[in-house]
C-alpha atoms as a PDB file:
ATOM      1  CA  MET A   1    -105.401 -49.229  -0.260  1.00  0.00           C
ATOM      2  CA  SER A   2    -105.291 -45.517  -1.021  1.00  0.00           C
ATOM      3  CA  GLU A   3    -102.649 -42.966   0.465  1.00  0.00           C
ATOM      4  CA  ASP A   4    -104.054 -40.344   3.214  1.00  0.00           C
ATOM      5  CA  PRO A   5    -103.771 -36.827   1.431  1.00  0.00           C
ATOM      6  CA  ALA A   6    -102.735 -35.278   4.577  1.00  0.00           C
ATOM      7  CA  ALA A   7     -99.702 -37.452   5.069  1.00  0.00           C
ATOM      8  CA  VAL A   8     -98.900 -36.917   1.269  1.00  0.00           C
ATOM      9  CA  ASP A   9     -98.968 -33.295   1.902  1.00  0.00           C
ATOM     10  CA  GLU A  10     -96.703 -33.110   5.236  1.00  0.00           C
ATOM     11  CA  SER A  11     -94.057 -35.292   3.174  1.00  0.00           C
ATOM     12  CA  ALA A  12     -94.423 -32.929   0.372  1.00  0.00           C
ATOM     13  CA  SER A  13     -93.713 -29.964   2.620  1.00  0.00           C
ATOM     14  CA  LYS A  14     -90.946 -31.700   4.598  1.00  0.00           C
ATOM     15  CA  SER A  15     -89.287 -32.178   1.213  1.00  0.00           C
ATOM     16  CA  ASP A  16     -89.731 -28.702  -0.053  1.00  0.00           C
ATOM     17  CA  ASP A  17     -88.198 -27.218   3.715  1.00  0.00           C
ATOM     18  CA  SER A  18     -85.021 -29.430   3.217  1.00  0.00           C
ATOM     19  CA  GLU A  19     -84.072 -28.667  -0.193  1.00  0.00           C
ATOM     20  CA  PRO A  20     -83.069 -24.534   1.102  1.00  0.00           C
ATOM     21  CA  GLU A  21     -81.299 -25.840   4.148  1.00  0.00           C
ATOM     22  CA  GLU A  22     -78.792 -27.991   1.526  1.00  0.00           C
ATOM     23  CA  ALA A  23     -78.591 -25.176  -0.383  1.00  0.00           C
ATOM     24  CA  GLU A  24     -77.382 -22.870   2.669  1.00  0.00           C
ATOM     25  CA  THR A  25     -75.119 -25.455   3.513  1.00  0.00           C
ATOM     26  CA  ALA A  26     -73.788 -25.754   0.318  1.00  0.00           C
ATOM     27  CA  GLY A  27     -73.097 -21.903   0.108  1.00  0.00           C
ATOM     28  CA  THR A  28     -71.793 -21.427   3.590  1.00  0.00           C
ATOM     29  CA  ASP A  29     -68.795 -24.509   2.558  1.00  0.00           C
ATOM     30  CA  LEU A  30     -68.247 -22.701  -0.506  1.00  0.00           C
ATOM     31  CA  PHE A  31     -67.682 -18.883   1.317  1.00  0.00           C
ATOM     32  CA  GLU A  32     -65.585 -21.021   3.862  1.00  0.00           C
ATOM     33  CA  GLU A  33     -63.252 -22.502   0.872  1.00  0.00           C
ATOM     34  CA  GLU A  34     -62.834 -19.285  -0.855  1.00  0.00           C
ATOM     35  CA  GLU A  35     -61.720 -17.602   2.483  1.00  0.00           C
ATOM     36  CA  GLU A  36     -59.363 -20.600   3.323  1.00  0.00           C
ATOM     37  CA  GLU A  37     -57.972 -19.959  -0.488  1.00  0.00           C
ATOM     38  CA  GLU A  38     -57.785 -16.512   0.238  1.00  0.00           C
ATOM     39  CA  GLU A  39     -56.205 -17.001   3.241  1.00  0.00           C
ATOM     40  CA  GLU A  40     -53.107 -19.399   1.879  1.00  0.00           C
ATOM     41  CA  PHE A  41     -52.812 -16.722  -0.968  1.00  0.00           C
ATOM     42  CA  PHE A  42     -51.978 -14.221   1.531  1.00  0.00           C
ATOM     43  CA  ASP A  43     -50.137 -16.190   3.250  1.00  0.00           C
ATOM     44  CA  ASP A  44     -47.734 -17.221   0.588  1.00  0.00           C
ATOM     45  CA  GLU A  45     -47.544 -13.372  -0.632  1.00  0.00           C
ATOM     46  CA  GLN A  46     -46.609 -12.877   2.999  1.00  0.00           C
ATOM     47  CA  ASN A  47     -43.899 -15.509   2.734  1.00  0.00           C
ATOM     48  CA  VAL A  48     -42.424 -14.209  -0.590  1.00  0.00           C
ATOM     49  CA  GLU A  49     -41.994 -10.968   0.809  1.00  0.00           C
ATOM     50  CA  GLU A  50     -40.120 -12.346   4.156  1.00  0.00           C
ATOM     51  CA  LEU A  51     -38.011 -14.775   1.495  1.00  0.00           C
ATOM     52  CA  LYS A  52     -37.223 -11.393  -0.464  1.00  0.00           C
ATOM     53  CA  ALA A  53     -36.242  -9.386   2.472  1.00  0.00           C
ATOM     54  CA  GLU A  54     -34.078 -11.967   3.664  1.00  0.00           C
ATOM     55  CA  LEU A  55     -32.658 -12.474   0.163  1.00  0.00           C
ATOM     56  CA  GLU A  56     -32.163  -8.663   0.457  1.00  0.00           C
ATOM     57  CA  ALA A  57     -30.584  -9.027   3.983  1.00  0.00           C
ATOM     58  CA  LYS A  58     -28.263 -11.633   2.844  1.00  0.00           C
ATOM     59  CA  ASP A  59     -27.137  -9.451  -0.423  1.00  0.00           C
ATOM     60  CA  ALA A  60     -26.404  -6.446   1.823  1.00  0.00           C
ATOM     61  CA  GLU A  61     -24.112  -8.694   4.244  1.00  0.00           C
ATOM     62  CA  ILE A  62     -22.565 -10.250   1.297  1.00  0.00           C
ATOM     63  CA  GLU A  63     -21.711  -6.502  -0.177  1.00  0.00           C
ATOM     64  CA  ASP A  64     -20.468  -5.490   3.367  1.00  0.00           C
ATOM     65  CA  LEU A  65     -18.607  -8.598   3.811  1.00  0.00           C
ATOM     66  CA  THR A  66     -16.840  -8.013   0.256  1.00  0.00           C
ATOM     67  CA  ASP A  67     -16.317  -4.717   0.855  1.00  0.00           C
ATOM     68  CA  LYS A  68     -14.376  -5.150   3.879  1.00  0.00           C
ATOM     69  CA  LEU A  69     -12.534  -8.047   2.008  1.00  0.00           C
ATOM     70  CA  SER A  70     -11.244  -5.831  -0.447  1.00  0.00           C
ATOM     71  CA  ARG A  71     -10.014  -2.763   2.082  1.00  0.00           C
ATOM     72  CA  SER A  72      -8.015  -5.603   4.109  1.00  0.00           C
ATOM     73  CA  ARG A  73      -6.488  -6.362   0.732  1.00  0.00           C
ATOM     74  CA  ALA A  74      -5.704  -2.934   0.000  1.00  0.00           C
ATOM     75  CA  ASP A  75      -4.255  -2.388   3.754  1.00  0.00           C
ATOM     76  CA  PHE A  76      -2.356  -5.576   3.471  1.00  0.00           C
ATOM     77  CA  GLN A  77      -1.020  -4.418   0.237  1.00  0.00           C
ATOM     78  CA  ASN A  78       0.162  -1.210   1.616  1.00  0.00           C
ATOM     79  CA  TYR A  79       1.502  -2.613   4.683  1.00  0.00           C
ATOM     80  CA  LYS A  80       3.553  -5.092   2.428  1.00  0.00           C
ATOM     81  CA  LYS A  81       4.915  -1.806   0.545  1.00  0.00           C
ATOM     82  CA  ARG A  82       5.650  -0.289   3.400  1.00  0.00           C
ATOM     83  CA  MET A  83       7.587  -2.778   4.873  1.00  0.00           C
ATOM     84  CA  GLN A  84       9.488  -3.365   1.462  1.00  0.00           C
ATOM     85  CA  ASN A  85      10.346   0.363   1.346  1.00  0.00           C
ATOM     86  CA  LYS A  86      11.545   0.054   4.941  1.00  0.00           C
ATOM     87  CA  GLN A  87      13.438  -2.964   4.267  1.00  0.00           C
ATOM     88  CA  GLU A  88      15.115  -1.275   1.217  1.00  0.00           C
ATOM     89  CA  GLU A  89      15.801   2.015   3.363  1.00  0.00           C
ATOM     90  CA  MET A  90      17.517   0.013   5.914  1.00  0.00           C
ATOM     91  CA  GLN A  91      19.582  -2.032   3.531  1.00  0.00           C
ATOM     92  CA  ALA A  92      20.723   1.548   1.817  1.00  0.00           C
ATOM     93  CA  ARG A  93      21.627   2.866   5.162  1.00  0.00           C
ATOM     94  CA  ALA A  94      23.802   0.189   6.409  1.00  0.00           C
ATOM     95  CA  THR A  95      25.593  -0.097   2.746  1.00  0.00           C
ATOM     96  CA  GLU A  96      25.931   4.095   3.391  1.00  0.00           C
ATOM     97  CA  ASP A  97      27.261   3.058   6.898  1.00  0.00           C
ATOM     98  CA  LEU A  98      29.469   0.422   5.530  1.00  0.00           C
ATOM     99  CA  VAL A  99      31.031   2.942   2.235  1.00  0.00           C
ATOM    100  CA  SER A 100      31.635   5.925   4.876  1.00  0.00           C
ATOM    101  CA  ARG A 101      33.585   3.547   6.898  1.00  0.00           C
ATOM    102  CA  PHE A 102      35.447   2.567   3.721  1.00  0.00           C
ATOM    103  CA  THR A 103      35.923   6.572   3.079  1.00  0.00           C
ATOM    104  CA  LYS A 104      37.916   7.404   6.323  1.00  0.00           C
ATOM    105  CA  ILE A 105      40.425   4.346   5.399  1.00  0.00           C
ATOM    106  CA  ARG A 106      40.585   5.847   2.066  1.00  0.00           C
ATOM    107  CA  GLU A 107      41.281   8.499   3.272  1.00  0.00           C
ATOM    108  CA  ASN A 108      44.044   7.387   5.654  1.00  0.00           C
ATOM    109  CA  LEU A 109      45.744   5.665   3.121  1.00  0.00           C
ATOM    110  CA  VAL A 110      45.974   9.101   1.030  1.00  0.00           C
ATOM    111  CA  ARG A 111      47.604  10.547   3.795  1.00  0.00           C
ATOM    112  CA  ALA A 112      50.242   7.813   4.468  1.00  0.00           C
ATOM    113  CA  LEU A 113      50.733   8.264   0.872  1.00  0.00           C
ATOM    114  CA  ASP A 114      51.548  12.028   1.191  1.00  0.00           C
ATOM    115  CA  GLN A 115      53.797  11.678   4.218  1.00  0.00           C
ATOM    116  CA  ASP A 116      55.821   8.344   2.614  1.00  0.00           C
ATOM    117  CA  GLN A 117      56.674   9.585  -0.257  1.00  0.00           C
ATOM    118  CA  ASP A 118      60.256   7.920  -0.586  1.00  0.00           C
ATOM    119  CA  ALA A 119      59.122   5.018   1.731  1.00  0.00           C
ATOM    120  CA  ASP A 120      58.904   1.285   0.950  1.00  0.00           C
ATOM    121  CA  ILE A 121      55.382   0.758   2.097  1.00  0.00           C
ATOM    122  CA  ARG A 122      54.175   3.177  -0.886  1.00  0.00           C
ATOM    123  CA  PRO A 123      53.467  -0.043  -3.172  1.00  0.00           C
ATOM    124  CA  GLY A 124      51.614  -1.802  -0.443  1.00  0.00           C
ATOM    125  CA  ILE A 125      49.421   1.503   0.041  1.00  0.00           C
ATOM    126  CA  GLN A 126      48.990   1.805  -3.205  1.00  0.00           C
ATOM    127  CA  SER A 127      47.759  -1.541  -3.805  1.00  0.00           C
ATOM    128  CA  THR A 128      45.304  -1.357  -1.047  1.00  0.00           C
ATOM    129  CA  LEU A 129      44.308   2.055  -2.376  1.00  0.00           C
ATOM    130  CA  ASP A 130      43.241   0.769  -5.530  1.00  0.00           C
ATOM    131  CA  GLU A 131      41.371  -2.251  -4.469  1.00  0.00           C
ATOM    132  CA  LEU A 132      39.266  -0.045  -1.979  1.00  0.00           C
ATOM    133  CA  ASP A 133      38.473   2.404  -4.739  1.00  0.00           C
ATOM    134  CA  ALA A 134      37.546  -0.605  -6.932  1.00  0.00           C
ATOM    135  CA  ILE A 135      34.984  -1.728  -4.248  1.00  0.00           C
ATOM    136  CA  LEU A 136      33.696   1.771  -3.676  1.00  0.00           C
ATOM    137  CA  ASP A 137      33.567   1.812  -7.489  1.00  0.00           C
ATOM    138  CA  GLU A 138      31.288  -1.261  -7.290  1.00  0.00           C
ATOM    139  CA  GLU A 139      29.062   0.164  -5.033  1.00  0.00           C
ATOM    140  CA  ASN A 140      28.366   3.099  -7.354  1.00  0.00           C
ATOM    141  CA  VAL A 141      30.101   5.765  -5.416  1.00  0.00           C
ATOM    142  CA  GLU A 142      31.546   8.552  -7.072  1.00  0.00           C
ATOM    143  CA  ILE A 143      34.798  10.289  -5.434  1.00  0.00           C
ATOM    144  CA  ILE A 144      34.289  14.539  -5.236  1.00  0.00           C
ATOM    145  CA  SER A 145      37.566  15.859  -6.574  1.00  0.00           C
ATOM    146  CA  PRO A 146      36.512  18.751  -8.152  1.00  0.00           C
ATOM    147  CA  GLU A 147      39.595  20.471 -10.421  1.00  0.00           C
ATOM    148  CA  PRO A 148      41.163  23.658  -9.743  1.00  0.00           C
ATOM    149  CA  GLY A 149      39.050  26.502 -11.004  1.00  0.00           C
ATOM    150  CA  GLU A 150      35.978  24.790 -10.888  1.00  0.00           C
ATOM    151  CA  ALA A 151      32.728  26.503  -9.482  1.00  0.00           C
ATOM    152  CA  VAL A 152      31.954  26.014  -5.993  1.00  0.00           C
ATOM    153  CA  ASP A 153      28.662  23.630  -5.629  1.00  0.00           C
ATOM    154  CA  PRO A 154      27.292  24.320  -1.853  1.00  0.00           C
ATOM    155  CA  GLN A 155      25.672  21.036  -2.160  1.00  0.00           C
ATOM    156  CA  ARG A 156      28.893  18.685  -2.964  1.00  0.00           C
ATOM    157  CA  HIS A 157      31.800  21.134  -1.620  1.00  0.00           C
ATOM    158  CA  GLU A 158      32.540  22.389   1.808  1.00  0.00           C
ATOM    159  CA  VAL A 159      34.394  25.516   2.079  1.00  0.00           C
ATOM    160  CA  MET A 160      37.256  25.541   4.269  1.00  0.00           C
ATOM    161  CA  MET A 161      39.096  28.980   3.714  1.00  0.00           C
ATOM    162  CA  ASN A 162      39.830  31.530   1.033  1.00  0.00           C
ATOM    163  CA  VAL A 163      43.199  31.690  -0.118  1.00  0.00           C
ATOM    164  CA  ALA A 164      45.377  33.533  -2.593  1.00  0.00           C
ATOM    165  CA  SER A 165      46.064  31.941  -5.976  1.00  0.00           C
ATOM    166  CA  ASP A 166      46.358  31.804  -9.777  1.00  0.00           C
ATOM    167  CA  GLN A 167      42.408  30.780 -10.025  1.00  0.00           C
ATOM    168  CA  PRO A 168      39.597  32.769 -10.850  1.00  0.00           C
ATOM    169  CA  ASP A 169      38.125  34.521  -8.051  1.00  0.00           C
ATOM    170  CA  GLY A 170      35.371  32.493  -6.317  1.00  0.00           C
ATOM    171  CA  THR A 171      36.427  29.357  -7.757  1.00  0.00           C
ATOM    172  CA  VAL A 172      37.995  26.253  -6.142  1.00  0.00           C
ATOM    173  CA  ALA A 173      42.098  27.016  -5.453  1.00  0.00           C
ATOM    174  CA  ASP A 174      42.724  23.458  -4.408  1.00  0.00           C
ATOM    175  CA  VAL A 175      41.078  20.046  -2.622  1.00  0.00           C
ATOM    176  CA  TYR A 176      41.808  19.613   0.985  1.00  0.00           C
ATOM    177  CA  GLN A 177      39.980  16.333   1.432  1.00  0.00           C
ATOM    178  CA  ALA A 178      38.025  14.564  -1.208  1.00  0.00           C
ATOM    179  CA  GLY A 179      34.132  13.770  -0.979  1.00  0.00           C
ATOM    180  CA  TYR A 180      31.753  11.205  -1.644  1.00  0.00           C
ATOM    181  CA  GLU A 181      28.512  10.643  -3.147  1.00  0.00           C
ATOM    182  CA  MET A 182      26.540   7.401  -3.737  1.00  0.00           C
ATOM    183  CA  ALA A 183      23.294   7.266  -5.765  1.00  0.00           C
ATOM    184  CA  GLY A 184      23.121  11.163  -5.946  1.00  0.00           C
ATOM    185  CA  LYS A 185      23.472  11.875  -2.463  1.00  0.00           C
ATOM    186  CA  VAL A 186      26.276  13.384  -0.723  1.00  0.00           C
ATOM    187  CA  LEU A 187      27.548  10.970   2.176  1.00  0.00           C
ATOM    188  CA  GLN A 188      30.639  13.391   2.527  1.00  0.00           C
ATOM    189  CA  ALA A 189      31.345  16.882   1.033  1.00  0.00           C
ATOM    190  CA  ALA A 190      34.622  17.931  -0.694  1.00  0.00           C
ATOM    191  CA  GLN A 191      36.573  20.268   1.895  1.00  0.00           C
ATOM    192  CA  VAL A 192      38.005  22.603  -0.670  1.00  0.00           C
ATOM    193  CA  THR A 193      39.957  26.060  -0.605  1.00  0.00           C
ATOM    194  CA  VAL A 194      38.574  28.863  -2.384  1.00  0.00           C
ATOM    195  CA  SER A 195      40.398  31.538  -4.515  1.00  0.00           C
ATOM    196  CA  SER A 196      39.866  34.973  -3.378  1.00  0.00           C
ATOM    197  CA  ASP A 197      41.723  38.559  -4.337  1.00  0.00           C
ATOM    198  CA  ASP A 198      41.141  39.812  -1.062  1.00  0.00           C
ATOM    199  CA  ALA A 199      42.730  36.877   0.937  1.00  0.00           C
END
């Protein structure tokens, strides 16, 4: 039995109509895939930018912390130096005070020797004086006792009065009381009389 020509035409027509629809569907799917890939690309790019920004922020934070640490270390070193200098100053001041007390003792011994030239106590006093002088020498204390005729040093000599003497005018005539100097610092100026032609 032969096929109906009308039925064949209708079937062919249906087949022809379905082909454009399939092509259109395939194109739409491809376009959507491309859009998704584009969105993923932009998402990845945005993620990279965010990561870069976070990394830069971390670098800045690390740099700031490093700077603060360096300043803290410098401040601590300065503090240690200040404390060390203060401690050295306190030690030096304590030594100066001790030496000052020694010098007063020495002066008393000197006066005792001058007043008791014929007494039996002289050997003991002289021994004590020698021992005290040794201690002062160990502490780098220099006795300021200028010779007659030396120039007057205002930094190391205290002029008590002007007197008539055989020494040149304006020079040291005599030492009334010795002075003391330690490490370049005058602890006590020597008290002197000064020769004067007008006295």
